[in-house]
Amino acid sequence: MKILVVEDDLSLSDVLAFSLRRAGYEVVTAFDGLAALQLWEAENPDLMVLDLNLPKLDGLAVCRQIRSQSQTPIIILSVRSSDEAVVKGLEYGADDYVIKPFSPTQLVARIKAVSRRAGISETANVLQVAGLTFDRSRNEMQRLNDEPIRLTPLEARLLERLMLHAGQVLTSDALIAAVWGNEGGDKTMLKQLVYRLRSKISSEENITDIIETIPGVGYSFRE
């Protein structure tokens, strides 16, 4: 399950992203309202956690625009605790309203509740495609009955994105955004990362390269 976290407080955003990833979710982050809309369209998240006080475009405007096009569940985060603020957020289409400060545990519980109401199934920590198993909670992959292989965080993010979209072609730009996010990456760095990941996957004998290069476009994980 993919969650888009929109929070302009970088420290809080990092805490939320860490807590949600530890809970087994895939997380993408945005720090202003315009970036939130762009990532929502590009990433198609299952759920959005949305702060109200955002630069460039406030959270209510983001919520209203998304709700006019989609039923993506939205949980609003805000320091505004008045009944008027809560009611306004819900009237704009939010599915839940969480008042700051709050604990990450509380937010995870709210996400689970909203997901159940929306009929969204939560993705397991273990992915299995084409004879390859990836444990997202441990950043370990395993081929058939071989020993588990530890991956770096960047390798793990790349493998996760490829396996979640197995059989699909992912552009280089989409993979760069998923792996490096706002830290920035480029196609040369992606090419080197793909090479390292391929080397780990194909370290055993008679293993076919299941990460396919699509010239001029990106990469695909063969099913």
N, C-alpha and C. Protein backbone atom coordinates (compact mmCIF):
# COMPACT_ATOMS: atom_id res chain seq x y z
N MET A 1 0.84 -1.19 0.00
CA MET A 1 0.00 0.00 0.00
C MET A 1 0.88 1.25 0.00
N LYS A 2 0.58 2.16 -0.92
CA LYS A 2 1.41 3.36 -1.07
C LYS A 2 0.72 4.57 -0.45
N ILE A 3 1.47 5.32 0.36
CA ILE A 3 0.94 6.50 1.04
C ILE A 3 1.74 7.73 0.62
N LEU A 4 1.04 8.78 0.23
CA LEU A 4 1.67 10.06 -0.06
C LEU A 4 1.56 10.94 1.18
N VAL A 5 2.70 11.31 1.76
CA VAL A 5 2.75 12.18 2.94
C VAL A 5 3.08 13.59 2.47
N VAL A 6 2.20 14.54 2.77
CA VAL A 6 2.41 15.94 2.37
C VAL A 6 2.55 16.77 3.64
N GLU A 7 3.76 17.18 3.94
CA GLU A 7 4.06 17.90 5.18
C GLU A 7 5.27 18.80 4.94
N ASP A 8 5.12 20.11 5.18
CA ASP A 8 6.22 21.03 4.89
C ASP A 8 7.25 21.09 6.02
N ASP A 9 6.94 20.57 7.20
CA ASP A 9 7.91 20.46 8.29
C ASP A 9 8.79 19.25 7.99
N LEU A 10 10.03 19.49 7.58
CA LEU A 10 10.89 18.40 7.12
C LEU A 10 11.16 17.38 8.21
N SER A 11 11.33 17.84 9.45
CA SER A 11 11.59 16.91 10.55
C SER A 11 10.40 15.99 10.78
N LEU A 12 9.20 16.58 10.81
CA LEU A 12 7.99 15.78 11.00
C LEU A 12 7.77 14.85 9.82
N SER A 13 8.04 15.33 8.60
CA SER A 13 7.89 14.50 7.42
C SER A 13 8.79 13.27 7.51
N ASP A 14 10.04 13.48 7.97
CA ASP A 14 10.97 12.35 8.10
C ASP A 14 10.47 11.34 9.14
N VAL A 15 9.93 11.85 10.25
CA VAL A 15 9.41 10.97 11.30
C VAL A 15 8.23 10.16 10.78
N LEU A 16 7.34 10.83 10.08
CA LEU A 16 6.16 10.14 9.53
C LEU A 16 6.57 9.08 8.51
N ALA A 17 7.47 9.46 7.61
CA ALA A 17 7.91 8.52 6.58
C ALA A 17 8.58 7.30 7.21
N PHE A 18 9.44 7.54 8.20
CA PHE A 18 10.12 6.43 8.88
C PHE A 18 9.11 5.52 9.58
N SER A 19 8.16 6.11 10.29
CA SER A 19 7.18 5.32 11.03
C SER A 19 6.29 4.50 10.10
N LEU A 20 5.89 5.10 8.99
CA LEU A 20 5.00 4.40 8.07
C LEU A 20 5.74 3.30 7.32
N ARG A 21 7.00 3.55 6.95
CA ARG A 21 7.78 2.49 6.30
C ARG A 21 8.02 1.33 7.26
N ARG A 22 8.27 1.66 8.52
CA ARG A 22 8.47 0.61 9.52
C ARG A 22 7.19 -0.20 9.70
N ALA A 23 6.04 0.44 9.48
CA ALA A 23 4.75 -0.26 9.59
C ALA A 23 4.43 -1.07 8.32
N GLY A 24 5.33 -1.00 7.33
CA GLY A 24 5.16 -1.82 6.13
C GLY A 24 4.58 -1.12 4.92
N TYR A 25 4.45 0.22 4.99
CA TYR A 25 3.88 0.95 3.87
C TYR A 25 4.98 1.48 2.94
N GLU A 26 4.61 1.63 1.68
CA GLU A 26 5.47 2.35 0.73
C GLU A 26 5.12 3.83 0.88
N VAL A 27 6.15 4.70 0.97
CA VAL A 27 5.90 6.11 1.26
C VAL A 27 6.58 7.00 0.22
N VAL A 28 5.84 7.99 -0.27
CA VAL A 28 6.41 9.07 -1.06
C VAL A 28 6.06 10.37 -0.34
N THR A 29 6.91 11.38 -0.49
CA THR A 29 6.72 12.62 0.28
C THR A 29 6.70 13.84 -0.63
N ALA A 30 5.92 14.84 -0.21
CA ALA A 30 5.89 16.14 -0.87
C ALA A 30 5.88 17.20 0.23
N PHE A 31 6.40 18.39 -0.11
CA PHE A 31 6.57 19.42 0.91
C PHE A 31 5.79 20.70 0.62
N ASP A 32 5.04 20.73 -0.46
CA ASP A 32 4.16 21.86 -0.74
C ASP A 32 2.95 21.37 -1.52
N GLY A 33 1.95 22.22 -1.65
CA GLY A 33 0.70 21.80 -2.26
C GLY A 33 0.80 21.45 -3.73
N LEU A 34 1.57 22.22 -4.48
CA LEU A 34 1.70 21.94 -5.90
C LEU A 34 2.42 20.62 -6.14
N ALA A 35 3.49 20.38 -5.38
CA ALA A 35 4.21 19.11 -5.50
C ALA A 35 3.31 17.94 -5.10
N ALA A 36 2.43 18.18 -4.13
CA ALA A 36 1.50 17.12 -3.71
C ALA A 36 0.60 16.69 -4.87
N LEU A 37 0.07 17.66 -5.60
CA LEU A 37 -0.80 17.33 -6.73
C LEU A 37 -0.03 16.61 -7.84
N GLN A 38 1.20 17.06 -8.07
CA GLN A 38 2.02 16.43 -9.11
C GLN A 38 2.35 14.99 -8.74
N LEU A 39 2.73 14.76 -7.47
CA LEU A 39 3.06 13.40 -7.04
C LEU A 39 1.82 12.52 -6.98
N TRP A 40 0.70 13.09 -6.57
CA TRP A 40 -0.55 12.32 -6.54
C TRP A 40 -0.87 11.79 -7.93
N GLU A 41 -0.70 12.63 -8.94
CA GLU A 41 -0.99 12.22 -10.31
C GLU A 41 0.04 11.21 -10.82
N ALA A 42 1.33 11.43 -10.49
CA ALA A 42 2.39 10.57 -11.00
C ALA A 42 2.45 9.22 -10.28
N GLU A 43 2.19 9.22 -8.97
CA GLU A 43 2.39 8.02 -8.15
C GLU A 43 1.12 7.21 -7.91
N ASN A 44 -0.03 7.85 -8.09
CA ASN A 44 -1.32 7.18 -7.84
C ASN A 44 -1.32 6.47 -6.48
N PRO A 45 -1.13 7.20 -5.38
CA PRO A 45 -1.09 6.58 -4.06
C PRO A 45 -2.44 6.02 -3.64
N ASP A 46 -2.40 5.05 -2.72
CA ASP A 46 -3.63 4.47 -2.20
C ASP A 46 -4.28 5.38 -1.17
N LEU A 47 -3.48 6.23 -0.53
CA LEU A 47 -3.99 7.10 0.54
C LEU A 47 -3.06 8.29 0.68
N MET A 48 -3.61 9.42 1.11
CA MET A 48 -2.80 10.63 1.30
C MET A 48 -2.92 11.13 2.74
N VAL A 49 -1.78 11.46 3.34
CA VAL A 49 -1.74 12.13 4.64
C VAL A 49 -1.36 13.57 4.35
N LEU A 50 -2.25 14.52 4.64
CA LEU A 50 -2.15 15.87 4.12
C LEU A 50 -2.17 16.93 5.22
N ASP A 51 -1.08 17.69 5.32
CA ASP A 51 -1.06 18.83 6.23
C ASP A 51 -1.87 19.97 5.61
N LEU A 52 -2.44 20.83 6.46
CA LEU A 52 -3.23 21.95 5.93
C LEU A 52 -2.38 23.17 5.61
N ASN A 53 -1.43 23.50 6.48
CA ASN A 53 -0.63 24.71 6.29
C ASN A 53 0.56 24.42 5.38
N LEU A 54 0.34 24.55 4.08
CA LEU A 54 1.36 24.24 3.10
C LEU A 54 1.71 25.47 2.26
N PRO A 55 2.97 25.58 1.82
CA PRO A 55 3.32 26.65 0.89
C PRO A 55 2.79 26.36 -0.51
N LYS A 56 2.68 27.41 -1.31
CA LYS A 56 2.29 27.38 -2.73
C LYS A 56 0.81 27.08 -2.93
N LEU A 57 0.28 26.08 -2.21
CA LEU A 57 -1.14 25.75 -2.30
C LEU A 57 -1.54 25.08 -1.00
N ASP A 58 -2.54 25.62 -0.30
CA ASP A 58 -2.85 25.08 1.03
C ASP A 58 -3.56 23.72 0.92
N GLY A 59 -3.57 23.03 2.06
CA GLY A 59 -4.07 21.67 2.09
C GLY A 59 -5.53 21.55 1.70
N LEU A 60 -6.36 22.51 2.09
CA LEU A 60 -7.78 22.44 1.74
C LEU A 60 -7.98 22.51 0.22
N ALA A 61 -7.18 23.36 -0.44
CA ALA A 61 -7.27 23.47 -1.89
C ALA A 61 -6.81 22.17 -2.55
N VAL A 62 -5.77 21.57 -1.99
CA VAL A 62 -5.29 20.27 -2.51
C VAL A 62 -6.38 19.22 -2.35
N CYS A 63 -6.97 19.17 -1.16
CA CYS A 63 -8.01 18.20 -0.87
C CYS A 63 -9.19 18.37 -1.81
N ARG A 64 -9.63 19.60 -2.01
CA ARG A 64 -10.78 19.86 -2.88
C ARG A 64 -10.50 19.47 -4.32
N GLN A 65 -9.27 19.76 -4.79
CA GLN A 65 -8.94 19.45 -6.18
C GLN A 65 -8.88 17.94 -6.42
N ILE A 66 -8.27 17.22 -5.46
CA ILE A 66 -8.20 15.76 -5.59
C ILE A 66 -9.59 15.14 -5.52
N ARG A 67 -10.39 15.63 -4.58
CA ARG A 67 -11.72 15.05 -4.41
C ARG A 67 -12.61 15.29 -5.62
N SER A 68 -12.33 16.33 -6.38
CA SER A 68 -13.12 16.59 -7.58
C SER A 68 -12.81 15.59 -8.69
N GLN A 69 -11.69 14.86 -8.55
CA GLN A 69 -11.27 13.93 -9.59
C GLN A 69 -11.20 12.48 -9.13
N SER A 70 -11.10 12.26 -7.82
CA SER A 70 -10.81 10.91 -7.33
C SER A 70 -11.37 10.71 -5.92
N GLN A 71 -11.50 9.44 -5.55
CA GLN A 71 -11.92 9.09 -4.20
C GLN A 71 -10.74 8.61 -3.35
N THR A 72 -9.52 9.00 -3.72
CA THR A 72 -8.34 8.66 -2.92
C THR A 72 -8.58 9.07 -1.46
N PRO A 73 -8.48 8.15 -0.51
CA PRO A 73 -8.68 8.53 0.90
C PRO A 73 -7.67 9.58 1.35
N ILE A 74 -8.14 10.57 2.09
CA ILE A 74 -7.29 11.67 2.56
C ILE A 74 -7.46 11.82 4.07
N ILE A 75 -6.33 11.82 4.78
CA ILE A 75 -6.32 12.11 6.22
C ILE A 75 -5.63 13.45 6.42
N ILE A 76 -6.34 14.41 6.96
CA ILE A 76 -5.80 15.75 7.18
C ILE A 76 -5.06 15.80 8.51
N LEU A 77 -3.90 16.47 8.49
CA LEU A 77 -3.16 16.78 9.71
C LEU A 77 -3.21 18.29 9.93
N SER A 78 -3.50 18.72 11.16
CA SER A 78 -3.58 20.16 11.39
C SER A 78 -3.48 20.50 12.87
N VAL A 79 -2.96 21.69 13.14
CA VAL A 79 -2.96 22.21 14.51
C VAL A 79 -4.31 22.87 14.81
N ARG A 80 -5.12 23.08 13.79
CA ARG A 80 -6.42 23.71 13.97
C ARG A 80 -7.39 22.70 14.58
N SER A 81 -7.79 22.96 15.82
CA SER A 81 -8.58 21.97 16.55
C SER A 81 -10.03 22.38 16.77
N SER A 82 -10.43 23.53 16.26
CA SER A 82 -11.80 23.98 16.48
C SER A 82 -12.78 23.11 15.70
N ASP A 83 -14.02 23.05 16.19
CA ASP A 83 -15.05 22.29 15.48
C ASP A 83 -15.22 22.81 14.06
N GLU A 84 -15.12 24.13 13.89
CA GLU A 84 -15.29 24.73 12.56
C GLU A 84 -14.21 24.22 11.60
N ALA A 85 -12.96 24.14 12.07
CA ALA A 85 -11.86 23.68 11.21
C ALA A 85 -12.04 22.22 10.83
N VAL A 86 -12.41 21.40 11.81
CA VAL A 86 -12.60 19.97 11.55
C VAL A 86 -13.74 19.76 10.55
N VAL A 87 -14.85 20.42 10.79
CA VAL A 87 -16.01 20.29 9.90
C VAL A 87 -15.66 20.75 8.49
N LYS A 88 -14.91 21.84 8.39
CA LYS A 88 -14.54 22.36 7.06
C LYS A 88 -13.67 21.35 6.32
N GLY A 89 -12.71 20.75 7.03
CA GLY A 89 -11.85 19.75 6.41
C GLY A 89 -12.64 18.57 5.89
N LEU A 90 -13.60 18.11 6.68
CA LEU A 90 -14.42 16.97 6.28
C LEU A 90 -15.36 17.35 5.13
N GLU A 91 -15.86 18.58 5.15
CA GLU A 91 -16.73 19.03 4.07
C GLU A 91 -15.98 19.14 2.74
N TYR A 92 -14.68 19.42 2.81
CA TYR A 92 -13.87 19.51 1.60
C TYR A 92 -13.53 18.13 1.05
N GLY A 93 -13.90 17.07 1.77
CA GLY A 93 -13.72 15.73 1.24
C GLY A 93 -12.76 14.85 1.98
N ALA A 94 -12.19 15.33 3.10
CA ALA A 94 -11.26 14.49 3.86
C ALA A 94 -12.02 13.32 4.51
N ASP A 95 -11.32 12.20 4.65
CA ASP A 95 -11.92 11.01 5.27
C ASP A 95 -11.69 10.97 6.78
N ASP A 96 -10.68 11.70 7.25
CA ASP A 96 -10.39 11.77 8.68
C ASP A 96 -9.60 13.04 8.95
N TYR A 97 -9.57 13.44 10.20
CA TYR A 97 -8.92 14.70 10.59
C TYR A 97 -8.15 14.43 11.88
N VAL A 98 -6.83 14.57 11.83
CA VAL A 98 -5.97 14.29 12.98
C VAL A 98 -5.35 15.60 13.46
N ILE A 99 -5.53 15.89 14.74
CA ILE A 99 -5.05 17.15 15.32
C ILE A 99 -3.63 16.98 15.85
N LYS A 100 -2.76 17.90 15.49
CA LYS A 100 -1.39 17.91 16.01
C LYS A 100 -1.38 18.49 17.43
N PRO A 101 -0.48 18.00 18.31
CA PRO A 101 0.45 16.88 18.10
C PRO A 101 -0.27 15.53 18.21
N PHE A 102 0.32 14.54 17.57
CA PHE A 102 -0.24 13.19 17.61
C PHE A 102 0.93 12.21 17.58
N SER A 103 0.65 10.98 17.94
CA SER A 103 1.69 9.96 17.92
C SER A 103 1.64 9.21 16.58
N PRO A 104 2.80 8.76 16.07
CA PRO A 104 2.80 7.96 14.85
C PRO A 104 1.94 6.71 14.97
N THR A 105 1.88 6.15 16.17
CA THR A 105 1.04 4.97 16.40
C THR A 105 -0.42 5.29 16.15
N GLN A 106 -0.86 6.46 16.62
CA GLN A 106 -2.24 6.89 16.39
C GLN A 106 -2.51 7.06 14.91
N LEU A 107 -1.55 7.66 14.19
CA LEU A 107 -1.74 7.87 12.76
C LEU A 107 -1.85 6.54 12.02
N VAL A 108 -1.00 5.58 12.36
CA VAL A 108 -1.06 4.26 11.72
C VAL A 108 -2.43 3.63 11.95
N ALA A 109 -2.95 3.76 13.18
CA ALA A 109 -4.27 3.21 13.48
C ALA A 109 -5.35 3.90 12.64
N ARG A 110 -5.24 5.21 12.48
CA ARG A 110 -6.21 5.93 11.65
C ARG A 110 -6.12 5.48 10.19
N ILE A 111 -4.90 5.29 9.71
CA ILE A 111 -4.70 4.83 8.33
C ILE A 111 -5.35 3.47 8.12
N LYS A 112 -5.17 2.57 9.07
CA LYS A 112 -5.76 1.24 8.96
C LYS A 112 -7.29 1.33 8.93
N ALA A 113 -7.84 2.20 9.77
CA ALA A 113 -9.29 2.35 9.83
C ALA A 113 -9.85 2.92 8.53
N VAL A 114 -9.20 3.96 8.02
CA VAL A 114 -9.65 4.57 6.77
C VAL A 114 -9.51 3.58 5.62
N SER A 115 -8.41 2.81 5.62
CA SER A 115 -8.19 1.81 4.57
C SER A 115 -9.28 0.75 4.57
N ARG A 116 -9.66 0.31 5.77
CA ARG A 116 -10.73 -0.69 5.86
C ARG A 116 -12.03 -0.14 5.31
N ARG A 117 -12.36 1.10 5.67
CA ARG A 117 -13.60 1.70 5.19
C ARG A 117 -13.60 1.87 3.68
N ALA A 118 -12.40 2.13 3.13
CA ALA A 118 -12.29 2.34 1.68
C ALA A 118 -12.11 1.04 0.92
N GLY A 119 -11.98 -0.07 1.66
CA GLY A 119 -11.82 -1.36 1.00
C GLY A 119 -10.45 -1.57 0.41
N ILE A 120 -9.42 -0.91 0.98
CA ILE A 120 -8.06 -1.04 0.47
C ILE A 120 -7.34 -2.14 1.23
N SER A 121 -6.76 -3.07 0.52
CA SER A 121 -5.98 -4.13 1.17
C SER A 121 -4.55 -3.66 1.35
N GLU A 122 -3.97 -3.96 2.49
CA GLU A 122 -2.61 -3.53 2.79
C GLU A 122 -1.63 -4.56 2.25
N THR A 123 -0.60 -4.05 1.57
CA THR A 123 0.40 -4.92 0.97
C THR A 123 1.27 -5.55 2.04
N ALA A 124 1.53 -6.84 1.90
CA ALA A 124 2.37 -7.54 2.87
C ALA A 124 3.81 -7.06 2.78
N ASN A 125 4.58 -7.31 3.86
CA ASN A 125 5.98 -6.93 3.87
C ASN A 125 6.81 -7.75 2.91
N VAL A 126 6.34 -8.94 2.57
CA VAL A 126 7.11 -9.84 1.70
C VAL A 126 6.52 -9.85 0.30
N LEU A 127 7.35 -9.52 -0.69
CA LEU A 127 6.95 -9.56 -2.09
C LEU A 127 7.58 -10.78 -2.75
N GLN A 128 6.84 -11.44 -3.63
CA GLN A 128 7.35 -12.61 -4.34
C GLN A 128 6.99 -12.49 -5.82
N VAL A 129 8.01 -12.44 -6.67
CA VAL A 129 7.82 -12.35 -8.11
C VAL A 129 8.95 -13.12 -8.80
N ALA A 130 8.59 -13.93 -9.78
CA ALA A 130 9.56 -14.61 -10.64
C ALA A 130 10.62 -15.39 -9.83
N GLY A 131 10.18 -16.06 -8.78
CA GLY A 131 11.11 -16.85 -7.99
C GLY A 131 11.99 -16.06 -7.06
N LEU A 132 11.76 -14.75 -6.99
CA LEU A 132 12.55 -13.88 -6.10
C LEU A 132 11.66 -13.39 -4.96
N THR A 133 12.15 -13.50 -3.74
CA THR A 133 11.42 -13.03 -2.55
C THR A 133 12.14 -11.82 -1.98
N PHE A 134 11.38 -10.78 -1.67
CA PHE A 134 11.97 -9.57 -1.08
C PHE A 134 11.23 -9.25 0.21
N ASP A 135 11.97 -9.25 1.32
CA ASP A 135 11.43 -8.89 2.62
C ASP A 135 11.67 -7.41 2.84
N ARG A 136 10.61 -6.61 2.71
CA ARG A 136 10.76 -5.16 2.80
C ARG A 136 11.10 -4.68 4.20
N SER A 137 10.73 -5.45 5.21
CA SER A 137 11.01 -5.04 6.58
C SER A 137 12.49 -5.24 6.95
N ARG A 138 13.16 -6.13 6.23
CA ARG A 138 14.56 -6.44 6.53
C ARG A 138 15.53 -6.04 5.42
N ASN A 139 14.99 -5.51 4.31
CA ASN A 139 15.82 -5.17 3.15
C ASN A 139 16.65 -6.37 2.69
N GLU A 140 16.01 -7.54 2.64
CA GLU A 140 16.68 -8.76 2.22
C GLU A 140 15.92 -9.41 1.07
N MET A 141 16.68 -9.92 0.10
CA MET A 141 16.06 -10.68 -0.98
C MET A 141 16.61 -12.10 -0.97
N GLN A 142 15.83 -13.01 -1.53
CA GLN A 142 16.22 -14.41 -1.54
C GLN A 142 15.75 -15.05 -2.84
N ARG A 143 16.64 -15.75 -3.50
CA ARG A 143 16.30 -16.42 -4.74
C ARG A 143 16.10 -17.90 -4.46
N LEU A 144 14.88 -18.40 -4.67
CA LEU A 144 14.55 -19.79 -4.43
C LEU A 144 15.02 -20.21 -3.04
N ASN A 145 15.90 -21.22 -2.94
CA ASN A 145 16.35 -21.71 -1.64
C ASN A 145 17.74 -21.21 -1.26
N ASP A 146 18.21 -20.18 -1.94
CA ASP A 146 19.53 -19.63 -1.63
C ASP A 146 19.49 -18.85 -0.32
N GLU A 147 20.67 -18.47 0.17
CA GLU A 147 20.75 -17.66 1.38
C GLU A 147 20.24 -16.24 1.11
N PRO A 148 19.61 -15.60 2.08
CA PRO A 148 19.16 -14.21 1.90
C PRO A 148 20.34 -13.29 1.62
N ILE A 149 20.10 -12.28 0.80
CA ILE A 149 21.12 -11.30 0.46
C ILE A 149 20.67 -9.94 0.96
N ARG A 150 21.52 -9.30 1.72
CA ARG A 150 21.21 -7.98 2.27
C ARG A 150 21.37 -6.91 1.20
N LEU A 151 20.42 -6.00 1.12
CA LEU A 151 20.47 -4.91 0.16
C LEU A 151 20.71 -3.58 0.86
N THR A 152 21.33 -2.64 0.15
CA THR A 152 21.45 -1.29 0.66
C THR A 152 20.07 -0.63 0.58
N PRO A 153 19.84 0.47 1.30
CA PRO A 153 18.53 1.14 1.22
C PRO A 153 18.15 1.54 -0.21
N LEU A 154 19.12 2.02 -1.00
CA LEU A 154 18.82 2.41 -2.37
C LEU A 154 18.46 1.19 -3.22
N GLU A 155 19.21 0.10 -3.06
CA GLU A 155 18.91 -1.12 -3.80
C GLU A 155 17.52 -1.64 -3.43
N ALA A 156 17.20 -1.56 -2.14
CA ALA A 156 15.91 -2.05 -1.67
C ALA A 156 14.77 -1.23 -2.25
N ARG A 157 14.93 0.09 -2.30
CA ARG A 157 13.87 0.94 -2.87
C ARG A 157 13.67 0.64 -4.35
N LEU A 158 14.76 0.44 -5.06
CA LEU A 158 14.67 0.14 -6.49
C LEU A 158 13.98 -1.20 -6.71
N LEU A 159 14.42 -2.23 -5.99
CA LEU A 159 13.82 -3.56 -6.16
C LEU A 159 12.34 -3.54 -5.79
N GLU A 160 12.00 -2.85 -4.71
CA GLU A 160 10.60 -2.77 -4.28
C GLU A 160 9.73 -2.16 -5.38
N ARG A 161 10.18 -1.05 -5.93
CA ARG A 161 9.38 -0.39 -6.97
C ARG A 161 9.24 -1.28 -8.21
N LEU A 162 10.32 -1.94 -8.61
CA LEU A 162 10.26 -2.82 -9.77
C LEU A 162 9.34 -4.01 -9.53
N MET A 163 9.41 -4.61 -8.35
CA MET A 163 8.58 -5.78 -8.05
C MET A 163 7.11 -5.40 -7.90
N LEU A 164 6.84 -4.25 -7.31
CA LEU A 164 5.45 -3.81 -7.16
C LEU A 164 4.79 -3.57 -8.52
N HIS A 165 5.62 -3.28 -9.53
CA HIS A 165 5.11 -3.00 -10.87
C HIS A 165 5.66 -4.02 -11.87
N ALA A 166 5.80 -5.27 -11.43
CA ALA A 166 6.34 -6.32 -12.29
C ALA A 166 5.52 -6.45 -13.57
N GLY A 167 6.23 -6.59 -14.69
CA GLY A 167 5.57 -6.71 -15.98
C GLY A 167 5.27 -5.37 -16.63
N GLN A 168 5.47 -4.27 -15.89
CA GLN A 168 5.23 -2.94 -16.44
C GLN A 168 6.56 -2.26 -16.74
N VAL A 169 6.54 -1.32 -17.66
CA VAL A 169 7.73 -0.53 -17.97
C VAL A 169 7.69 0.74 -17.13
N LEU A 170 8.74 0.94 -16.34
CA LEU A 170 8.85 2.14 -15.51
C LEU A 170 9.91 3.06 -16.11
N THR A 171 9.58 4.32 -16.25
CA THR A 171 10.54 5.26 -16.83
C THR A 171 11.70 5.51 -15.87
N SER A 172 12.82 5.92 -16.43
CA SER A 172 13.97 6.24 -15.60
C SER A 172 13.64 7.35 -14.62
N ASP A 173 12.90 8.37 -15.08
CA ASP A 173 12.55 9.50 -14.20
C ASP A 173 11.68 9.04 -13.03
N ALA A 174 10.74 8.13 -13.28
CA ALA A 174 9.88 7.63 -12.21
C ALA A 174 10.69 6.84 -11.19
N LEU A 175 11.64 6.05 -11.66
CA LEU A 175 12.48 5.27 -10.74
C LEU A 175 13.40 6.17 -9.94
N ILE A 176 13.95 7.19 -10.58
CA ILE A 176 14.82 8.14 -9.87
C ILE A 176 14.04 8.82 -8.75
N ALA A 177 12.81 9.25 -9.05
CA ALA A 177 11.98 9.91 -8.03
C ALA A 177 11.65 8.96 -6.89
N ALA A 178 11.39 7.68 -7.21
CA ALA A 178 11.03 6.70 -6.18
C ALA A 178 12.21 6.35 -5.30
N VAL A 179 13.40 6.28 -5.88
CA VAL A 179 14.59 5.84 -5.13
C VAL A 179 15.23 6.99 -4.36
N TRP A 180 15.43 8.12 -5.01
CA TRP A 180 16.15 9.23 -4.38
C TRP A 180 15.23 10.33 -3.85
N GLY A 181 14.02 10.41 -4.35
CA GLY A 181 13.10 11.44 -3.89
C GLY A 181 13.67 12.83 -4.08
N ASN A 182 13.49 13.67 -3.07
CA ASN A 182 13.96 15.05 -3.15
C ASN A 182 15.46 15.19 -2.98
N GLU A 183 16.15 14.08 -2.62
CA GLU A 183 17.60 14.13 -2.49
C GLU A 183 18.25 14.27 -3.86
N GLY A 184 17.57 13.85 -4.90
CA GLY A 184 18.07 14.01 -6.25
C GLY A 184 18.92 12.84 -6.71
N GLY A 185 18.69 12.40 -7.90
CA GLY A 185 19.48 11.36 -8.54
C GLY A 185 19.50 11.67 -10.02
N ASP A 186 20.21 10.87 -10.80
CA ASP A 186 20.21 11.07 -12.24
C ASP A 186 20.28 9.71 -12.93
N LYS A 187 20.24 9.73 -14.24
CA LYS A 187 20.19 8.48 -15.00
C LYS A 187 21.48 7.68 -14.88
N THR A 188 22.61 8.37 -14.74
CA THR A 188 23.87 7.66 -14.55
C THR A 188 23.88 6.92 -13.22
N MET A 189 23.41 7.58 -12.15
CA MET A 189 23.33 6.95 -10.84
C MET A 189 22.36 5.77 -10.87
N LEU A 190 21.23 5.94 -11.59
CA LEU A 190 20.26 4.86 -11.70
C LEU A 190 20.87 3.67 -12.44
N LYS A 191 21.58 3.93 -13.51
CA LYS A 191 22.21 2.86 -14.28
C LYS A 191 23.18 2.07 -13.42
N GLN A 192 23.97 2.78 -12.60
CA GLN A 192 24.93 2.11 -11.71
C GLN A 192 24.21 1.29 -10.65
N LEU A 193 23.09 1.83 -10.13
CA LEU A 193 22.32 1.12 -9.11
C LEU A 193 21.69 -0.15 -9.70
N VAL A 194 21.16 -0.05 -10.89
CA VAL A 194 20.58 -1.22 -11.56
C VAL A 194 21.66 -2.29 -11.75
N TYR A 195 22.86 -1.86 -12.15
CA TYR A 195 23.97 -2.81 -12.35
C TYR A 195 24.29 -3.54 -11.05
N ARG A 196 24.36 -2.80 -9.93
CA ARG A 196 24.67 -3.43 -8.64
C ARG A 196 23.58 -4.41 -8.23
N LEU A 197 22.33 -4.01 -8.43
CA LEU A 197 21.21 -4.88 -8.06
C LEU A 197 21.20 -6.14 -8.93
N ARG A 198 21.42 -5.97 -10.23
CA ARG A 198 21.49 -7.13 -11.11
C ARG A 198 22.59 -8.09 -10.68
N SER A 199 23.73 -7.53 -10.27
CA SER A 199 24.85 -8.38 -9.85
C SER A 199 24.49 -9.22 -8.65
N LYS A 200 23.72 -8.65 -7.72
CA LYS A 200 23.31 -9.40 -6.54
C LYS A 200 22.25 -10.45 -6.89
N ILE A 201 21.32 -10.09 -7.75
CA ILE A 201 20.28 -11.04 -8.14
C ILE A 201 20.88 -12.19 -8.93
N SER A 202 21.85 -11.89 -9.80
CA SER A 202 22.41 -12.88 -10.71
C SER A 202 23.72 -13.48 -10.22
N SER A 203 23.98 -13.40 -8.92
CA SER A 203 25.25 -13.89 -8.39
C SER A 203 25.33 -15.41 -8.43
N GLU A 204 24.18 -16.07 -8.42
CA GLU A 204 24.17 -17.54 -8.47
C GLU A 204 24.20 -18.02 -9.92
N GLU A 205 24.51 -19.28 -10.13
CA GLU A 205 24.61 -19.84 -11.47
C GLU A 205 23.22 -19.98 -12.11
N ASN A 206 23.21 -19.81 -13.44
CA ASN A 206 22.01 -20.07 -14.25
C ASN A 206 20.81 -19.20 -13.86
N ILE A 207 21.09 -17.98 -13.48
CA ILE A 207 19.99 -17.07 -13.13
C ILE A 207 19.81 -16.04 -14.25
N THR A 208 18.63 -16.00 -14.79
CA THR A 208 18.34 -15.08 -15.89
C THR A 208 18.21 -13.66 -15.35
N ASP A 209 18.68 -12.70 -16.14
CA ASP A 209 18.55 -11.30 -15.76
C ASP A 209 17.08 -10.90 -15.87
N ILE A 210 16.43 -10.67 -14.74
CA ILE A 210 15.00 -10.37 -14.77
C ILE A 210 14.72 -8.87 -14.74
N ILE A 211 15.75 -8.04 -14.64
CA ILE A 211 15.56 -6.59 -14.78
C ILE A 211 15.93 -6.23 -16.22
N GLU A 212 14.91 -5.93 -16.99
CA GLU A 212 15.10 -5.69 -18.43
C GLU A 212 15.25 -4.20 -18.70
N THR A 213 16.25 -3.84 -19.50
CA THR A 213 16.42 -2.46 -19.93
C THR A 213 15.53 -2.19 -21.14
N ILE A 214 14.74 -1.13 -21.07
CA ILE A 214 13.91 -0.70 -22.19
C ILE A 214 14.58 0.54 -22.78
N PRO A 215 15.32 0.39 -23.88
CA PRO A 215 16.12 1.49 -24.42
C PRO A 215 15.31 2.78 -24.61
N GLY A 216 15.88 3.87 -24.11
CA GLY A 216 15.26 5.17 -24.26
C GLY A 216 14.08 5.43 -23.36
N VAL A 217 13.71 4.43 -22.53
CA VAL A 217 12.53 4.59 -21.66
C VAL A 217 12.89 4.36 -20.19
N GLY A 218 13.29 3.13 -19.87
CA GLY A 218 13.59 2.82 -18.46
C GLY A 218 13.84 1.33 -18.27
N TYR A 219 13.12 0.75 -17.30
CA TYR A 219 13.38 -0.65 -16.95
C TYR A 219 12.06 -1.36 -16.64
N SER A 220 12.13 -2.69 -16.70
CA SER A 220 10.97 -3.51 -16.39
C SER A 220 11.43 -4.77 -15.65
N PHE A 221 10.63 -5.19 -14.67
CA PHE A 221 10.92 -6.41 -13.93
C PHE A 221 10.09 -7.52 -14.55
N ARG A 222 10.76 -8.53 -15.11
CA ARG A 222 10.06 -9.59 -15.81
C ARG A 222 9.29 -10.49 -14.84
N GLU A 223 8.04 -10.78 -15.16
CA GLU A 223 7.22 -11.65 -14.32
C GLU A 223 7.62 -13.10 -14.53
